[in-house]
Amino acid sequence: MVQTVREPSNNQLPRVIQEPSVWEVWEGKTARLPCVAHGHPSPQYYWFRDTGGQLTLMDTVRKFNVVDGTLVIHKVSVADSGKYICFANNSVGEDKVDRLLRIRVPLKVEVVTTKRVVRSGEEVSLNCSMSTAPKSVVWVKDQRRIVPDHRIRRVSQTHLKILVFQREDSGIYQCYVYNDWESSQAHVQLDLKEEMPTFIRIFPDQIHMPGQLVSLHCSASGSPLPQISWTLDGEQLSESRRVKTGDYVHLDGSVVSYVNITDLAVSDGGLYGCEARNDVGTVSHSARIDVFGPPFIRPMGNLTVVAGTTVTIRCPVSGYPIDRTYVEKRKGAESAIMFRGIINLPPPSTKFNNILVHAARETCIESMEEAVDENDGGRNIANLVDGSWQKRSFS
């Protein structure tokens, strides 16, 4: 049986069949925006692009054409995204429908470089650039999500800043970028630049009067940032009400350490040392701080050495001016003049080889001409007995 299709006897206003209003197409592909309408007589189709309220007829634009009411756009680009309006028109009237075209761009993520070497204490900025606006960005370090704190900040979704780079900040940083249909990532490896400490500023030998304020400074650079410690005559410097130490990081990235001594006393004199140390190495500096006054010898700790080796003994002397510093060996009345408070005791077969082996008594003495007359007193003495220095004074 043959069916006959008859046209409506009455004219009908065009009615566009409802379709999804939003269409998403990958960049470089062909977009097809449908517009199918019923009406009598058969409607004609006209497509316009709405740009801020200004309509542009698409039939006059290259790469756009209309096939049976469908707008065909070849090799779409991001510039083609936007709002399009289809008008279906016949002699009775017209109907219209809006279509929103979105162009999907393959998500590409990158950072400026994939590997950087960073100095300790340096500020580091990591920027994750991408081909399209992301829905979300996640930063991770060594496969663990980064939680911002006082040193690590999220300036924006795509910008991570490390304010003061430290050894534990070394590693692989990744930014994961997500949108509605895919994800991508980029990474950068941050390594700590390792440098042995180097002194930038040190203090010289000095001579002061009692009661003065003395400030000693040592500054050093290095990576990791070095730690600076202080000694007095080879022993760790102890703080007190008059002696204070401290440090801070300079704007140039170096560490500055200082010792402040108020109301300087003769007992504060001696050989002051500063040592800068990090994981790469150590550097040290020392200089004498002499204080005008009578001789003074600071008590020394135990000294244990191996028989047959050369021993270096530093006599912790103070007072200025010092006429001479020497060691007396009470068994045999032997003595040796010291140079700047130091005496080297050679190996066996010399006269000082039995200092500890035979528990001989060694006496470190300092004197000056003014301190040995009848009016001004006598000498300060420290005795080394069985490896232990003992101090006494006599006139």
Protein backbone atom coordinates (compact mmCIF):
# COMPACT_ATOMS: atom_id res chain seq x y z
CA MET A 1 0.00 0.00 0.00
CA VAL A 2 1.48 3.32 -1.02
CA GLN A 3 1.16 6.21 1.44
CA THR A 4 0.81 9.70 0.12
CA VAL A 5 2.37 12.61 2.00
CA ARG A 6 0.30 15.71 1.64
CA GLU A 7 1.32 19.21 2.50
CA PRO A 8 -0.81 20.96 5.10
CA SER A 9 -3.68 22.87 3.54
CA ASN A 10 -3.18 25.73 5.99
CA ASN A 11 -0.09 27.84 6.42
CA GLN A 12 1.86 27.17 9.63
CA LEU A 13 4.26 29.35 11.60
CA PRO A 14 7.78 27.82 11.80
CA ARG A 15 8.54 25.97 15.02
CA VAL A 16 12.18 25.02 15.73
CA ILE A 17 12.69 21.57 17.24
CA GLN A 18 14.37 21.85 20.61
CA GLU A 19 17.99 20.66 20.76
CA PRO A 20 20.72 21.04 23.40
CA SER A 21 21.61 24.71 23.64
CA VAL A 22 25.34 24.18 24.43
CA TRP A 23 27.67 22.41 22.02
CA GLU A 24 31.32 21.57 22.78
CA VAL A 25 33.79 20.74 20.01
CA TRP A 26 37.53 20.02 20.12
CA GLU A 27 39.78 22.62 18.56
CA GLY A 28 40.54 21.82 14.91
CA LYS A 29 37.43 19.67 14.41
CA THR A 30 34.19 20.46 12.52
CA ALA A 31 31.28 21.92 14.48
CA ARG A 32 27.67 21.26 13.45
CA LEU A 33 24.96 23.34 15.13
CA PRO A 34 21.51 21.95 14.26
CA CYS A 35 18.41 24.02 13.49
CA VAL A 36 15.37 22.05 12.27
CA ALA A 37 11.94 23.68 12.09
CA HIS A 38 8.41 22.62 11.08
CA GLY A 39 6.17 25.02 9.23
CA HIS A 40 4.29 25.70 6.00
CA PRO A 41 5.51 26.85 3.64
CA SER A 42 8.90 25.22 4.39
CA PRO A 43 11.01 27.71 6.33
CA GLN A 44 14.26 29.26 5.21
CA TYR A 45 17.20 29.26 7.64
CA TYR A 46 19.50 32.15 8.50
CA TRP A 47 22.38 31.94 11.00
CA PHE A 48 23.82 34.93 12.81
CA ARG A 49 26.63 35.33 15.31
CA ASP A 50 25.85 37.45 18.34
CA THR A 51 28.89 39.51 19.35
CA GLY A 52 27.92 41.78 22.20
CA GLY A 53 24.46 42.34 20.72
CA GLN A 54 25.76 42.87 17.19
CA LEU A 55 24.51 40.21 14.71
CA THR A 56 26.68 39.02 11.82
CA LEU A 57 25.16 36.87 9.03
CA MET A 58 27.18 33.65 8.75
CA ASP A 59 26.48 32.92 5.10
CA THR A 60 28.93 35.65 4.17
CA VAL A 61 31.82 34.37 6.33
CA ARG A 62 34.43 31.89 5.10
CA LYS A 63 34.50 28.36 6.55
CA PHE A 64 30.85 28.78 7.62
CA ASN A 65 28.01 27.27 5.59
CA VAL A 66 24.41 26.17 6.19
CA VAL A 67 23.26 22.70 5.13
CA ASP A 68 19.53 21.90 5.62
CA GLY A 69 19.39 24.35 8.49
CA THR A 70 22.56 23.08 10.21
CA LEU A 71 25.43 25.56 10.62
CA VAL A 72 28.71 23.87 9.68
CA ILE A 73 32.00 25.39 10.90
CA HIS A 74 35.20 23.75 9.64
CA LYS A 75 38.41 23.54 11.69
CA VAL A 76 37.09 25.45 14.66
CA SER A 77 39.37 27.56 16.84
CA VAL A 78 38.97 29.30 20.17
CA ALA A 79 37.98 32.44 18.25
CA ASP A 80 34.86 30.63 16.96
CA SER A 81 33.45 30.08 20.44
CA GLY A 82 30.42 32.15 21.33
CA LYS A 83 26.68 32.59 20.80
CA TYR A 84 24.97 31.77 17.48
CA ILE A 85 21.28 32.43 16.58
CA CYS A 86 19.26 30.48 14.02
CA PHE A 87 16.18 32.13 12.44
CA ALA A 88 13.61 29.87 10.70
CA ASN A 89 11.42 32.05 8.44
CA ASN A 90 8.46 31.58 6.07
CA SER A 91 5.61 33.78 4.80
CA VAL A 92 3.67 33.28 8.02
CA GLY A 93 6.41 34.33 10.43
CA GLU A 94 9.62 33.15 12.06
CA ASP A 95 11.05 31.30 15.04
CA LYS A 96 14.55 31.42 16.43
CA VAL A 97 16.86 29.43 18.67
CA ASP A 98 20.21 30.16 20.41
CA ARG A 99 23.21 27.86 20.31
CA LEU A 100 26.30 28.34 22.51
CA LEU A 101 29.50 26.95 20.98
CA ARG A 102 32.40 26.08 23.28
CA ILE A 103 35.78 25.06 21.93
CA ARG A 104 37.71 22.43 23.85
CA VAL A 105 41.44 23.08 23.78
CA PRO A 106 43.81 20.20 24.65
CA LEU A 107 45.14 20.99 28.12
CA LYS A 108 48.84 21.81 27.97
CA VAL A 109 50.79 22.65 31.13
CA GLU A 110 54.38 23.77 31.48
CA VAL A 111 56.84 25.47 33.80
CA VAL A 112 59.71 27.68 32.70
CA THR A 113 62.36 25.05 33.40
CA THR A 114 62.33 21.44 34.52
CA LYS A 115 65.39 21.73 36.81
CA ARG A 116 66.72 24.51 39.01
CA VAL A 117 69.60 24.79 41.48
CA VAL A 118 68.69 27.06 44.40
CA ARG A 119 70.81 28.64 47.13
CA SER A 120 69.84 28.18 50.75
CA GLY A 121 67.65 31.05 51.96
CA GLU A 122 66.70 32.12 48.43
CA GLU A 123 63.10 32.96 47.48
CA VAL A 124 61.70 30.64 44.81
CA SER A 125 58.66 31.28 42.59
CA LEU A 126 57.07 28.44 40.63
CA ASN A 127 54.61 29.36 37.88
CA CYS A 128 52.45 26.81 36.10
CA SER A 129 51.29 28.13 32.71
CA MET A 130 48.54 26.43 30.72
CA SER A 131 46.73 26.64 27.40
CA THR A 132 43.28 27.28 28.86
CA ALA A 133 41.69 28.42 32.08
CA PRO A 134 41.68 25.56 34.61
CA LYS A 135 38.88 24.46 36.86
CA SER A 136 41.34 23.53 39.60
CA VAL A 137 45.10 23.31 40.18
CA VAL A 138 46.81 21.04 42.72
CA TRP A 139 50.47 21.39 43.73
CA VAL A 140 52.39 18.37 45.02
CA LYS A 141 55.99 17.74 46.13
CA ASP A 142 57.43 14.25 45.81
CA GLN A 143 53.88 12.91 45.26
CA ARG A 144 52.52 14.57 48.42
CA ARG A 145 50.06 17.42 48.30
CA ILE A 146 51.59 20.71 49.44
CA VAL A 147 49.98 22.35 52.46
CA PRO A 148 50.82 26.10 52.53
CA ASP A 149 52.47 27.45 55.69
CA HIS A 150 54.47 30.50 56.79
CA ARG A 151 57.26 29.68 54.30
CA ILE A 152 55.33 28.17 51.38
CA ARG A 153 52.48 30.25 49.96
CA ARG A 154 49.89 29.87 47.20
CA VAL A 155 49.97 33.32 45.61
CA SER A 156 47.34 32.11 43.12
CA GLN A 157 46.15 28.79 41.73
CA THR A 158 49.07 28.67 39.32
CA HIS A 159 51.73 30.47 41.41
CA LEU A 160 53.60 28.81 44.29
CA LYS A 161 56.21 30.71 46.31
CA ILE A 162 58.85 29.38 48.74
CA LEU A 163 59.99 32.32 50.84
CA VAL A 164 63.18 30.86 52.37
CA PHE A 165 64.48 27.78 50.55
CA GLN A 166 65.91 25.07 52.81
CA ARG A 167 67.45 21.65 52.29
CA GLU A 168 64.15 19.86 52.98
CA ASP A 169 62.55 21.87 50.16
CA SER A 170 64.62 20.00 47.57
CA GLY A 171 62.60 17.62 45.43
CA ILE A 172 60.23 17.35 42.47
CA TYR A 173 57.32 19.79 42.35
CA GLN A 174 54.31 19.11 40.13
CA CYS A 175 51.26 21.16 39.27
CA TYR A 176 48.22 19.08 38.28
CA VAL A 177 45.64 21.00 36.26
CA TYR A 178 42.03 19.90 35.79
CA ASN A 179 39.09 21.09 33.71
CA ASP A 180 35.72 19.52 32.91
CA TRP A 181 37.04 16.90 30.51
CA GLU A 182 40.74 16.20 31.11
CA SER A 183 43.81 16.81 33.25
CA SER A 184 47.50 17.44 32.70
CA GLN A 185 50.64 18.11 34.73
CA ALA A 186 54.08 19.70 34.58
CA HIS A 187 57.02 19.37 36.95
CA VAL A 188 60.22 21.05 38.06
CA GLN A 189 63.08 19.64 40.12
CA LEU A 190 64.60 21.91 42.76
CA ASP A 191 68.08 21.06 44.06
CA LEU A 192 69.96 22.81 46.84
CA LYS A 193 73.17 24.47 45.72
CA GLU A 194 75.90 23.28 48.09
CA GLU A 195 78.69 25.74 48.90
CA MET A 196 81.31 25.58 51.62
CA PRO A 197 81.11 28.49 54.09
CA THR A 198 83.13 31.59 53.21
CA PHE A 199 83.79 34.45 55.58
CA ILE A 200 82.58 37.85 54.43
CA ARG A 201 83.54 39.78 57.56
CA ILE A 202 85.89 38.93 60.43
CA PHE A 203 87.33 40.81 63.41
CA PRO A 204 91.03 41.74 63.89
CA ASP A 205 93.33 41.61 66.91
CA GLN A 206 92.29 44.32 69.37
CA ILE A 207 93.52 46.02 72.54
CA HIS A 208 91.02 47.62 74.93
CA MET A 209 90.81 49.30 78.28
CA PRO A 210 88.77 47.69 81.09
CA GLY A 211 85.15 48.83 81.29
CA GLN A 212 84.71 49.33 77.54
CA LEU A 213 82.02 47.82 75.33
CA VAL A 214 83.42 45.36 72.78
CA SER A 215 81.47 43.95 69.85
CA LEU A 216 82.94 41.19 67.65
CA HIS A 217 81.34 40.23 64.33
CA CYS A 218 81.73 37.31 61.96
CA SER A 219 79.60 36.96 58.83
CA ALA A 220 79.68 34.07 56.38
CA SER A 221 77.90 32.85 53.28
CA GLY A 222 77.36 29.29 52.14
CA SER A 223 74.70 26.85 51.10
CA PRO A 224 73.12 25.48 53.20
CA LEU A 225 73.29 28.61 55.33
CA PRO A 226 76.13 28.05 57.83
CA GLN A 227 75.81 28.07 61.60
CA ILE A 228 78.39 30.19 63.45
CA SER A 229 79.73 29.28 66.89
CA TRP A 230 82.18 31.12 69.18
CA THR A 231 85.11 30.00 71.32
CA LEU A 232 87.46 31.62 73.81
CA ASP A 233 90.92 30.07 74.02
CA GLY A 234 89.61 26.95 72.29
CA GLU A 235 86.64 26.43 74.63
CA GLN A 236 83.01 27.16 73.84
CA LEU A 237 82.21 30.74 74.77
CA SER A 238 79.80 30.92 77.69
CA GLU A 239 77.19 33.65 77.89
CA SER A 240 76.72 35.68 81.05
CA ARG A 241 75.17 38.91 82.20
CA ARG A 242 77.98 40.80 80.45
CA VAL A 243 78.63 38.47 77.51
CA LYS A 244 75.85 38.03 74.92
CA THR A 245 75.86 36.30 71.53
CA GLY A 246 73.35 36.41 68.69
CA ASP A 247 72.95 36.13 64.94
CA TYR A 248 70.69 37.15 62.06
CA VAL A 249 70.42 36.70 58.29
CA HIS A 250 71.48 39.70 56.23
CA LEU A 251 69.60 40.91 53.15
CA ASP A 252 72.40 39.53 50.96
CA GLY A 253 71.70 36.02 52.27
CA SER A 254 74.73 35.77 54.58
CA VAL A 255 74.50 34.96 58.27
CA VAL A 256 75.90 37.51 60.72
CA SER A 257 76.94 36.43 64.23
CA TYR A 258 78.16 38.68 67.00
CA VAL A 259 79.51 38.75 70.56
CA ASN A 260 78.82 41.79 72.72
CA ILE A 261 80.85 42.24 75.92
CA THR A 262 79.87 45.02 78.30
CA ASP A 263 82.01 46.37 81.14
CA LEU A 264 85.08 44.61 79.74
CA ALA A 265 87.32 42.92 82.35
CA VAL A 266 90.87 41.57 82.18
CA SER A 267 89.44 38.06 82.50
CA ASP A 268 87.57 38.59 79.20
CA GLY A 269 90.83 38.76 77.25
CA GLY A 270 92.10 35.87 75.18
CA LEU A 271 91.95 34.27 71.78
CA TYR A 272 88.40 34.57 70.41
CA GLY A 273 87.37 32.32 67.56
CA CYS A 274 84.35 32.05 65.28
CA GLU A 275 83.60 28.91 63.27
CA ALA A 276 81.15 28.76 60.35
CA ARG A 277 79.91 25.26 59.60
CA ASN A 278 77.40 23.65 57.24
CA ASP A 279 76.94 20.20 55.69
CA VAL A 280 79.64 20.92 53.10
CA GLY A 281 82.50 22.11 55.29
CA THR A 282 83.87 24.37 58.01
CA VAL A 283 85.94 27.56 58.14
CA SER A 284 87.29 29.24 61.26
CA HIS A 285 88.91 32.51 62.27
CA SER A 286 90.54 33.66 65.50
CA ALA A 287 92.08 36.87 66.81
CA ARG A 288 93.31 38.08 70.19
CA ILE A 289 91.39 40.51 72.33
CA ASP A 290 93.81 41.96 74.88
CA VAL A 291 92.74 44.01 77.89
CA PHE A 292 95.06 46.34 79.79
CA GLY A 293 95.71 44.91 83.24
CA PRO A 294 97.73 42.43 85.31
CA PRO A 295 98.39 38.87 84.09
CA PHE A 296 95.49 36.44 84.20
CA ILE A 297 95.37 32.74 83.31
CA ARG A 298 92.01 31.11 82.72
CA PRO A 299 91.58 27.59 84.23
CA MET A 300 91.95 24.83 81.65
CA GLY A 301 90.11 21.56 81.30
CA ASN A 302 91.60 18.08 81.34
CA LEU A 303 94.04 17.21 78.60
CA THR A 304 94.54 13.60 77.49
CA VAL A 305 97.07 12.69 74.80
CA VAL A 306 98.68 9.58 73.35
CA ALA A 307 102.26 8.89 74.39
CA GLY A 308 104.69 9.44 71.57
CA THR A 309 102.72 12.19 69.83
CA THR A 310 103.31 15.92 69.62
CA VAL A 311 101.16 17.90 72.04
CA THR A 312 100.08 21.50 71.50
CA ILE A 313 99.11 23.37 74.66
CA ARG A 314 97.59 26.82 74.51
CA CYS A 315 98.00 28.80 77.68
CA PRO A 316 94.76 30.82 78.13
CA VAL A 317 96.42 34.06 79.12
CA SER A 318 95.06 37.57 79.43
CA GLY A 319 96.30 40.93 80.63
CA TYR A 320 98.31 43.53 78.71
CA PRO A 321 101.11 44.14 78.10
CA ILE A 322 102.54 40.66 78.76
CA ASP A 323 106.32 40.47 79.01
CA ARG A 324 106.53 36.73 78.44
CA THR A 325 104.59 33.49 78.78
CA TYR A 326 106.43 30.27 79.57
CA VAL A 327 106.08 26.73 80.90
CA GLU A 328 108.01 25.41 83.88
CA LYS A 329 108.55 21.73 84.48
CA ARG A 330 108.98 21.32 88.23
CA LYS A 331 110.97 18.10 87.90
CA GLY A 332 114.31 19.40 86.74
CA ALA A 333 113.49 23.10 86.54
CA GLU A 334 113.23 22.93 82.79
CA SER A 335 111.24 25.68 81.02
CA ALA A 336 110.17 26.75 77.54
CA ILE A 337 109.16 30.16 76.29
CA MET A 338 105.77 30.15 74.57
CA PHE A 339 104.92 32.02 71.38
CA ARG A 340 101.58 33.86 71.64
CA GLY A 341 100.57 31.56 74.45
CA ILE A 342 101.24 28.28 72.59
CA ILE A 343 103.86 25.62 73.20
CA ASN A 344 104.38 22.48 71.15
CA LEU A 345 105.60 19.46 73.08
CA PRO A 346 107.49 17.15 70.66
CA PRO A 347 107.42 13.31 70.63
CA PRO A 348 109.65 11.12 72.88
CA SER A 349 113.43 11.54 73.13
CA THR A 350 112.99 15.20 74.02
CA LYS A 351 112.84 16.76 77.46
CA PHE A 352 109.04 17.26 77.45
CA ASN A 353 108.03 13.73 76.42
CA ASN A 354 107.08 12.57 79.93
CA ILE A 355 104.52 15.23 80.80
CA LEU A 356 101.61 12.83 81.13
CA VAL A 357 103.37 9.51 81.16
CA HIS A 358 105.19 10.33 84.41
CA ALA A 359 102.62 12.82 85.72
CA ALA A 360 105.22 15.56 85.75
CA ARG A 361 104.08 18.99 86.88
CA GLU A 362 104.00 21.69 84.22
CA THR A 363 103.28 25.28 85.13
CA CYS A 364 102.07 27.89 82.67
CA ILE A 365 103.23 31.32 83.79
CA GLU A 366 102.68 34.77 82.35
CA SER A 367 104.35 37.92 83.63
CA MET A 368 104.94 41.54 82.83
CA GLU A 369 107.44 44.01 84.22
CA GLU A 370 104.82 46.06 86.06
CA ALA A 371 103.38 42.99 87.76
CA VAL A 372 106.50 41.75 89.49
CA ASP A 373 107.54 44.75 91.56
CA GLU A 374 106.82 45.05 95.24
CA ASN A 375 103.77 47.27 94.84
CA ASP A 376 101.76 45.55 92.08
CA GLY A 377 101.60 41.92 93.13
CA GLY A 378 102.89 38.79 91.51
CA ARG A 379 102.17 36.12 88.95
CA ASN A 380 99.22 33.98 87.92
CA ILE A 381 100.05 30.30 87.54
CA ALA A 382 98.18 27.29 86.18
CA ASN A 383 99.56 23.83 86.96
CA LEU A 384 99.04 20.72 84.82
CA VAL A 385 98.95 17.74 87.19
CA ASP A 386 97.90 14.30 85.97
CA GLY A 387 96.26 15.89 82.96
CA SER A 388 94.40 18.57 84.95
CA TRP A 389 95.23 22.28 85.03
CA GLN A 390 95.01 23.98 88.41
CA LYS A 391 95.24 27.74 88.90
CA ARG A 392 96.93 29.64 91.76
CA SER A 393 98.35 33.10 92.30
CA PHE A 394 101.37 34.16 94.31
CA SER A 395 103.39 37.29 95.01
